[in-house]
Amino acid sequence: MKHRRPALAALAAALVLTGCSGSGTGSPEKGLDDPAKKDIAMRLVSSAENSTLDWKAQYGYIEDIGDGRGYTAGIIGFCSGTGDMLKVVERYTADRQGNALEDFLPALRAVNGSDSHEGLGDAFTAAWAKAAADPAFRSAQDSERDGSYFGPAVRRAEADGLSALGQFIYYDAYVMHGQADTEGTVGFRTIRAQAVAEARPPSEGGDEEAYLNAFLDARVAAIREEPSHSDTSRVETAQRVFVREGKLQLETPLVWKVYGESFRIDGS
């Protein structure tokens, strides 16, 4: 399960990165399975998770941010306390036996479900950071992201008839909240159920912008229920802005703020 990471040291007042997809980011029928739009989604998530648009530089990131989930690490904040960090290391070990993280698998299994560092500590964080130079480790993170978060979110959004923006909104909710409810956390499925109770998704003849606003309303409520979260700017000054501007295909330029920092993605 994922969560937002507190903003890191302040960057420049505005970050400008060049998009890959030209003015308007491509054809209307394209969703996040389009590589250029998927990259935009990765950068949008990274602005909240890592305070930077350079998501590809985050494979080696690792720290305990004090949210009760142990270590947070990698491109979307895999956590030692929620099981997905364990899955990343298991994937990596299946591809690269004898890697430096393999010895920590028993400890990762033991701390799953807690914020404990027992058996991990500095040796583990150093090994994680060093492993980021290995393409197999980066691939393991990509695979866990796609298999547990990106893929399920996009498929659910497509079934609900949502555009690229809606698919991103679902994906970001998966990253922050996880799929299912846990103790103290409202998951994606409950957020979606609350949204559907308020507005019909496009697959049922509803207006997409109205439905996305209902989903974001439910998500804001979920964020406020978590003891470690209170800042809703990830929704209110980012995703809600894109809905209000009608950027249903994630058309560039995209300009937003999250946790007090300003970001921008321009087309090429």
Protein backbone atom coordinates (compact mmCIF):
# COMPACT_ATOMS: atom_id res chain seq x y z
CA MET A 1 0.00 0.00 0.00
CA LYS A 2 1.20 3.46 -0.82
CA HIS A 3 1.01 6.86 0.70
CA ARG A 4 2.13 10.33 -0.04
CA ARG A 5 5.65 11.20 0.97
CA PRO A 6 6.21 14.53 2.76
CA ALA A 7 7.79 17.09 0.48
CA LEU A 8 11.57 16.92 0.41
CA ALA A 9 13.81 19.96 0.42
CA ALA A 10 12.22 22.72 -1.65
CA LEU A 11 13.18 22.74 -5.27
CA ALA A 12 13.00 25.66 -7.66
CA ALA A 13 9.72 27.56 -7.67
CA ALA A 14 8.76 25.85 -10.92
CA LEU A 15 10.15 22.70 -12.49
CA VAL A 16 9.92 22.49 -16.26
CA LEU A 17 10.46 19.22 -18.06
CA THR A 18 9.81 18.63 -21.72
CA GLY A 19 7.04 16.18 -22.59
CA CYS A 20 7.50 13.42 -25.12
CA SER A 21 4.23 13.67 -26.95
CA GLY A 22 3.96 16.97 -28.73
CA SER A 23 1.37 19.67 -28.23
CA GLY A 24 -1.76 18.16 -26.72
CA THR A 25 0.02 14.87 -25.84
CA GLY A 26 -1.39 12.76 -28.63
CA SER A 27 -4.62 11.36 -30.01
CA PRO A 28 -7.78 11.52 -27.91
CA GLU A 29 -8.24 7.75 -27.94
CA LYS A 30 -4.90 7.10 -26.25
CA GLY A 31 -4.85 6.18 -22.58
CA LEU A 32 -2.02 5.57 -20.16
CA ASP A 33 -0.94 2.51 -22.15
CA ASP A 34 0.54 5.08 -24.54
CA PRO A 35 4.23 5.36 -23.49
CA ALA A 36 4.28 9.16 -23.60
CA LYS A 37 1.20 9.46 -21.43
CA LYS A 38 2.43 6.79 -19.04
CA ASP A 39 5.61 8.83 -18.61
CA ILE A 40 3.52 11.90 -17.80
CA ALA A 41 1.65 9.86 -15.18
CA MET A 42 4.96 8.72 -13.67
CA ARG A 43 6.14 12.31 -13.43
CA LEU A 44 2.89 13.49 -11.89
CA VAL A 45 3.11 10.81 -9.20
CA SER A 46 6.78 11.58 -8.60
CA SER A 47 5.98 15.24 -7.98
CA ALA A 48 3.98 14.13 -4.94
CA GLU A 49 6.05 11.13 -3.87
CA ASN A 50 9.53 12.60 -4.38
CA SER A 51 9.12 16.36 -4.95
CA THR A 52 10.63 16.01 -8.41
CA LEU A 53 9.50 15.13 -11.93
CA ASP A 54 12.59 12.98 -12.47
CA TRP A 55 10.99 9.69 -11.46
CA LYS A 56 13.75 7.62 -13.09
CA ALA A 57 16.24 8.96 -10.54
CA GLN A 58 14.27 7.48 -7.61
CA TYR A 59 15.10 3.76 -7.83
CA GLY A 60 17.72 4.13 -5.09
CA TYR A 61 15.67 6.35 -2.78
CA ILE A 62 15.04 4.91 0.70
CA GLU A 63 14.18 6.37 4.11
CA ASP A 64 11.78 5.99 7.03
CA ILE A 65 9.41 8.96 6.84
CA GLY A 66 7.77 8.19 10.17
CA ASP A 67 4.35 7.15 8.89
CA GLY A 68 4.24 3.77 10.60
CA ARG A 69 5.05 1.80 7.45
CA GLY A 70 8.77 1.27 7.99
CA TYR A 71 11.07 2.14 5.13
CA THR A 72 9.69 3.91 2.06
CA ALA A 73 11.72 3.41 -1.10
CA GLY A 74 11.95 3.41 -4.85
CA ILE A 75 9.95 4.89 -7.69
CA ILE A 76 6.52 4.90 -6.01
CA GLY A 77 7.33 4.44 -2.33
CA PHE A 78 7.42 0.68 -1.76
CA CYS A 79 7.19 0.04 1.98
CA SER A 80 8.82 -2.53 4.23
CA GLY A 81 5.70 -2.57 6.39
CA THR A 82 3.15 -3.19 3.64
CA GLY A 83 4.65 -6.07 1.68
CA ASP A 84 5.39 -4.52 -1.67
CA MET A 85 9.04 -3.82 -0.83
CA LEU A 86 9.34 -7.52 -0.05
CA LYS A 87 7.80 -8.33 -3.44
CA VAL A 88 10.32 -6.09 -5.20
CA VAL A 89 13.25 -7.89 -3.55
CA GLU A 90 11.69 -11.28 -4.31
CA ARG A 91 11.30 -10.30 -7.97
CA TYR A 92 14.88 -9.06 -8.06
CA THR A 93 16.21 -12.24 -6.46
CA ALA A 94 14.30 -14.44 -8.91
CA ASP A 95 16.15 -12.66 -11.73
CA ARG A 96 19.50 -12.06 -10.01
CA GLN A 97 20.28 -14.74 -7.45
CA GLY A 98 23.03 -13.86 -4.99
CA ASN A 99 22.28 -10.13 -5.09
CA ALA A 100 23.10 -8.06 -2.01
CA LEU A 101 19.45 -7.66 -1.00
CA GLU A 102 18.70 -11.40 -1.00
CA ASP A 103 20.13 -11.85 2.51
CA PHE A 104 17.52 -9.43 3.84
CA LEU A 105 14.51 -11.43 2.65
CA PRO A 106 13.95 -13.16 6.03
CA ALA A 107 14.03 -9.78 7.79
CA LEU A 108 11.64 -8.23 5.27
CA ARG A 109 9.20 -11.07 5.81
CA ALA A 110 9.50 -10.66 9.57
CA VAL A 111 8.82 -6.89 9.61
CA ASN A 112 5.95 -7.00 7.13
CA GLY A 113 2.93 -5.38 8.76
CA SER A 114 4.99 -3.25 11.13
CA ASP A 115 7.31 -0.25 11.16
CA SER A 116 10.23 -2.28 12.54
CA HIS A 117 13.77 -2.01 11.15
CA GLU A 118 14.90 -5.20 12.84
CA GLY A 119 17.37 -7.08 10.69
CA LEU A 120 17.50 -4.22 8.18
CA GLY A 121 19.06 -0.89 9.21
CA ASP A 122 21.96 0.86 7.54
CA ALA A 123 23.24 -2.27 5.81
CA PHE A 124 19.90 -2.74 4.09
CA THR A 125 19.45 0.88 3.04
CA ALA A 126 22.97 0.95 1.62
CA ALA A 127 22.35 -2.26 -0.31
CA TRP A 128 19.06 -0.89 -1.70
CA ALA A 129 20.70 2.32 -2.89
CA LYS A 130 23.58 0.42 -4.47
CA ALA A 131 21.24 -2.02 -6.22
CA ALA A 132 19.64 0.88 -8.10
CA ALA A 133 22.57 0.73 -10.53
CA ASP A 134 21.50 -2.78 -11.60
CA PRO A 135 19.00 -2.86 -14.51
CA ALA A 136 17.51 -6.04 -13.04
CA PHE A 137 16.64 -4.19 -9.82
CA ARG A 138 15.07 -1.31 -11.71
CA SER A 139 13.09 -3.85 -13.74
CA ALA A 140 11.87 -5.48 -10.52
CA GLN A 141 10.53 -2.14 -9.32
CA ASP A 142 8.89 -1.46 -12.68
CA SER A 143 7.26 -4.89 -12.67
CA GLU A 144 5.89 -4.54 -9.14
CA ARG A 145 4.56 -1.06 -9.93
CA ASP A 146 2.86 -2.26 -13.09
CA GLY A 147 1.58 -5.55 -11.72
CA SER A 148 0.18 -4.31 -8.43
CA TYR A 149 -0.72 -0.67 -9.10
CA PHE A 150 -0.54 0.73 -12.61
CA GLY A 151 -2.08 -2.22 -14.47
CA PRO A 152 -5.04 -2.81 -12.11
CA ALA A 153 -5.79 0.92 -11.90
CA VAL A 154 -5.78 1.43 -15.67
CA ARG A 155 -7.92 -1.66 -16.30
CA ARG A 156 -10.51 -0.52 -13.76
CA ALA A 157 -10.51 2.99 -15.23
CA GLU A 158 -10.94 1.65 -18.76
CA ALA A 159 -13.89 -0.47 -17.58
CA ASP A 160 -15.41 2.69 -16.09
CA GLY A 161 -15.00 4.47 -19.43
CA LEU A 162 -12.44 6.97 -18.18
CA SER A 163 -10.01 9.04 -20.20
CA ALA A 164 -6.24 9.29 -19.69
CA LEU A 165 -6.83 11.78 -16.86
CA GLY A 166 -9.26 9.45 -15.13
CA GLN A 167 -6.84 6.56 -15.54
CA PHE A 168 -4.10 8.65 -13.91
CA ILE A 169 -6.41 9.67 -11.06
CA TYR A 170 -7.16 6.00 -10.36
CA TYR A 171 -3.47 5.10 -10.55
CA ASP A 172 -2.43 7.81 -8.11
CA ALA A 173 -5.13 6.63 -5.71
CA TYR A 174 -3.78 3.06 -5.93
CA VAL A 175 -0.27 4.36 -5.19
CA MET A 176 -1.31 6.36 -2.14
CA HIS A 177 -4.10 4.24 -0.66
CA GLY A 178 -3.63 0.71 -1.95
CA GLN A 179 -6.45 -1.35 -3.38
CA ALA A 180 -8.20 -2.48 -0.21
CA ASP A 181 -8.96 -0.96 3.19
CA THR A 182 -6.52 -1.68 5.98
CA GLU A 183 -6.49 -0.62 9.62
CA GLY A 184 -6.62 3.17 9.62
CA THR A 185 -6.60 3.43 5.82
CA VAL A 186 -9.40 3.69 3.25
CA GLY A 187 -8.43 1.86 0.07
CA PHE A 188 -9.17 2.47 -3.61
CA ARG A 189 -12.14 0.11 -3.76
CA THR A 190 -13.98 1.97 -1.01
CA ILE A 191 -13.14 5.35 -2.55
CA ARG A 192 -14.51 4.21 -5.90
CA ALA A 193 -17.65 2.74 -4.30
CA GLN A 194 -18.33 6.07 -2.60
CA ALA A 195 -17.86 7.90 -5.91
CA VAL A 196 -20.20 5.56 -7.79
CA ALA A 197 -22.83 6.17 -5.11
CA GLU A 198 -22.69 9.89 -5.90
CA ALA A 199 -22.21 9.97 -9.69
CA ARG A 200 -22.42 7.54 -12.60
CA PRO A 201 -19.15 6.75 -14.40
CA PRO A 202 -19.04 7.28 -18.17
CA SER A 203 -19.48 3.54 -18.77
CA GLU A 204 -22.96 3.94 -17.28
CA GLY A 205 -23.79 7.10 -19.19
CA GLY A 206 -22.49 9.58 -16.64
CA ASP A 207 -20.54 12.78 -17.20
CA GLU A 208 -16.83 12.13 -16.74
CA GLU A 209 -15.95 15.42 -15.07
CA ALA A 210 -18.81 15.06 -12.58
CA TYR A 211 -17.77 11.51 -11.80
CA LEU A 212 -14.09 12.42 -11.38
CA ASN A 213 -15.02 15.21 -8.99
CA ALA A 214 -17.09 12.74 -6.96
CA PHE A 215 -14.11 10.37 -6.88
CA LEU A 216 -11.79 13.17 -5.78
CA ASP A 217 -14.28 14.21 -3.08
CA ALA A 218 -14.20 10.67 -1.72
CA ARG A 219 -10.43 10.61 -1.91
CA VAL A 220 -10.06 13.86 0.02
CA ALA A 221 -12.25 12.37 2.75
CA ALA A 222 -10.05 9.25 2.78
CA ILE A 223 -6.87 11.30 3.10
CA ARG A 224 -8.29 13.20 6.05
CA GLU A 225 -9.12 9.94 7.83
CA GLU A 226 -5.49 8.80 7.90
CA PRO A 227 -3.55 9.89 11.00
CA SER A 228 -0.33 10.41 9.01
CA HIS A 229 -2.00 12.49 6.29
CA SER A 230 -3.78 15.81 6.23
CA ASP A 231 -2.52 17.75 3.20
CA THR A 232 -4.95 17.31 0.31
CA SER A 233 -3.07 19.43 -2.23
CA ARG A 234 -2.24 16.26 -4.17
CA VAL A 235 -5.90 16.40 -5.14
CA GLU A 236 -7.02 19.99 -4.77
CA THR A 237 -4.18 21.90 -6.44
CA ALA A 238 -3.23 19.21 -8.93
CA GLN A 239 -5.79 16.63 -10.09
CA ARG A 240 -8.82 18.81 -9.40
CA VAL A 241 -7.17 21.55 -11.47
CA PHE A 242 -6.79 19.23 -14.46
CA VAL A 243 -10.46 18.21 -14.22
CA ARG A 244 -11.57 21.84 -14.01
CA GLU A 245 -9.44 22.72 -17.04
CA GLY A 246 -10.90 19.82 -19.02
CA LYS A 247 -7.50 18.17 -19.55
CA LEU A 248 -9.13 14.76 -19.98
CA GLN A 249 -6.34 13.55 -22.27
CA LEU A 250 -3.60 15.01 -20.06
CA GLU A 251 -3.00 17.66 -22.69
CA THR A 252 0.13 19.69 -22.08
CA PRO A 253 1.02 22.13 -20.73
CA LEU A 254 0.12 20.80 -17.31
CA VAL A 255 0.69 23.20 -14.43
CA TRP A 256 0.04 22.26 -10.80
CA LYS A 257 1.13 22.52 -7.19
CA VAL A 258 1.56 19.78 -4.64
CA TYR A 259 2.61 20.20 -1.00
CA GLY A 260 3.45 23.83 -1.73
CA GLU A 261 5.77 23.23 -4.70
CA SER A 262 5.02 24.26 -8.28
CA PHE A 263 5.50 22.00 -11.29
CA ARG A 264 4.99 22.16 -15.02
CA ILE A 265 5.15 19.72 -17.93
CA ASP A 266 5.33 21.24 -21.41
CA GLY A 267 4.89 19.55 -24.76
CA SER A 268 7.86 19.31 -27.14
